[in-house]
Protein backbone atom coordinates (compact mmCIF):
# COMPACT_ATOMS: atom_id res chain seq x y z
CA UNK A 1 -68.62 33.24 -13.81
CA UNK A 2 -70.59 36.00 -15.46
CA UNK A 3 -72.41 33.75 -17.93
CA UNK A 4 -74.34 32.02 -15.17
CA UNK A 5 -77.90 33.26 -14.92
CA UNK A 6 -78.12 34.69 -18.42
CA UNK A 7 -80.86 33.35 -20.67
CA UNK A 8 -80.81 32.23 -24.31
CA UNK A 9 -81.44 35.74 -25.64
CA UNK A 10 -78.34 37.02 -23.89
CA UNK A 11 -76.30 34.06 -25.13
CA UNK A 12 -77.43 34.82 -28.69
CA UNK A 13 -76.28 38.39 -28.14
CA UNK A 14 -72.90 37.17 -26.91
CA UNK A 15 -72.56 35.19 -30.12
CA UNK A 16 -73.47 38.19 -32.29
CA UNK A 17 -71.14 40.55 -30.49
CA UNK A 18 -68.48 37.84 -30.67
CA UNK A 19 -68.71 37.97 -34.46
CA UNK A 20 -68.14 41.73 -34.43
CA UNK A 21 -65.30 41.26 -31.92
CA UNK A 22 -63.65 38.85 -34.37
CA UNK A 23 -63.89 41.52 -37.04
CA UNK A 24 -62.19 44.00 -34.69
CA UNK A 25 -59.37 41.47 -34.19
CA UNK A 26 -58.86 40.98 -37.94
CA UNK A 27 -56.52 43.60 -39.40
CA UNK A 28 -57.76 42.67 -42.88
CA UNK A 29 -61.46 42.96 -42.03
CA UNK A 30 -63.58 44.84 -44.53
CA UNK A 31 -65.06 47.59 -42.37
CA UNK A 32 -67.71 48.41 -44.96
CA UNK A 33 -68.94 44.83 -44.57
CA UNK A 34 -68.76 45.19 -40.79
CA UNK A 35 -70.91 48.32 -41.01
CA UNK A 36 -73.42 46.48 -43.20
CA UNK A 37 -73.57 43.58 -40.75
CA UNK A 38 -74.00 45.74 -37.66
CA UNK A 39 -76.51 48.02 -39.39
CA UNK A 40 -78.52 44.92 -40.29
CA UNK A 41 -78.34 43.73 -36.67
CA UNK A 42 -79.54 47.17 -35.50
CA UNK A 43 -82.47 47.13 -37.95
CA UNK A 44 -83.49 43.72 -36.57
CA UNK A 45 -83.25 44.98 -32.99
CA UNK A 46 -80.43 42.58 -32.16
CA UNK A 47 -77.85 43.37 -29.48
CA UNK A 48 -74.81 45.24 -30.76
CA UNK A 49 -73.19 46.53 -27.56
CA UNK A 50 -71.92 45.06 -24.33
CA UNK A 51 -74.62 47.09 -22.60
CA UNK A 52 -77.29 45.39 -24.73
CA UNK A 53 -76.31 42.03 -23.25
CA UNK A 54 -75.63 43.39 -19.76
CA UNK A 55 -71.88 42.86 -19.93
CA UNK A 56 -71.53 46.45 -18.76
CA UNK A 57 -72.67 45.12 -15.37
CA UNK A 58 -69.79 42.64 -15.18
CA UNK A 59 -66.66 43.89 -13.42
CA UNK A 60 -63.71 44.45 -15.78
CA UNK A 61 -61.60 42.02 -13.71
CA UNK A 62 -64.12 39.27 -14.33
CA UNK A 63 -64.22 40.01 -18.06
CA UNK A 64 -60.42 39.97 -18.14
CA UNK A 65 -60.36 36.61 -16.36
CA UNK A 66 -62.73 35.26 -19.02
CA UNK A 67 -60.52 36.71 -21.77
CA UNK A 68 -57.46 35.02 -20.24
CA UNK A 69 -59.24 31.66 -20.33
CA UNK A 70 -60.15 32.19 -23.99
CA UNK A 71 -56.55 32.92 -24.93
CA UNK A 72 -55.07 29.70 -23.54
CA UNK A 73 -53.40 27.75 -26.37
CA UNK A 74 -55.74 25.06 -27.64
CA UNK A 75 -58.88 26.99 -26.70
CA UNK A 76 -61.50 27.90 -29.32
CA UNK A 77 -60.17 31.42 -29.78
CA UNK A 78 -56.68 30.05 -30.42
CA UNK A 79 -57.92 28.52 -33.67
CA UNK A 80 -59.43 31.84 -34.80
CA UNK A 81 -56.69 34.29 -33.85
CA UNK A 82 -53.43 32.69 -32.85
CA UNK A 83 -51.29 34.85 -30.65
CA UNK A 84 -54.06 37.16 -29.44
CA UNK A 85 -53.53 38.22 -25.85
CA UNK A 86 -56.25 38.63 -23.25
CA UNK A 87 -55.64 42.37 -23.33
CA UNK A 88 -56.09 42.49 -27.11
CA UNK A 89 -59.29 40.46 -26.81
CA UNK A 90 -60.62 42.81 -24.15
CA UNK A 91 -59.80 45.85 -26.31
CA UNK A 92 -61.51 44.17 -29.30
CA UNK A 93 -64.63 43.49 -27.21
CA UNK A 94 -64.81 47.13 -26.18
CA UNK A 95 -64.09 48.25 -29.75
CA UNK A 96 -66.90 46.03 -31.03
CA UNK A 97 -69.26 47.48 -28.45
CA UNK A 98 -68.27 51.06 -29.31
CA UNK A 99 -68.66 50.27 -33.01
CA UNK A 100 -72.14 48.87 -32.32
CA UNK A 101 -73.08 51.93 -30.27
CA UNK A 102 -71.94 54.25 -33.05
CA UNK A 103 -73.92 52.34 -35.68
CA UNK A 104 -76.99 52.27 -33.40
CA UNK A 105 -76.75 56.03 -32.83
CA UNK A 106 -76.35 56.60 -36.56
CA UNK A 107 -79.50 54.57 -37.24
CA UNK A 108 -81.44 56.59 -34.63
CA UNK A 109 -80.34 59.90 -36.15
CA UNK A 110 -81.46 58.78 -39.61
CA UNK A 111 -84.94 57.74 -38.51
């Protein structure tokens, strides 16, 4: 699986991007708060995109297989977002990454 061989820094990045992914899954998420959070992560130099944690190097099929495993009833994700499909999770991951890239680009243009 794609997590094998990644060090603690990458795993921390997965966690951080996971938080933003959860926000993308939440229709009631406060996007101003999401912007604040991601902007803070950018200022600290933390990973905010899939590319930052090398997930862009993982084949989409492998990511989708991981998403399917996360969406099995009783899994950790099930407690957070019941009824989320693997496809929705994958879209949320990509949305979180795009959101992070946009906020990172915004920070660069302001410096």
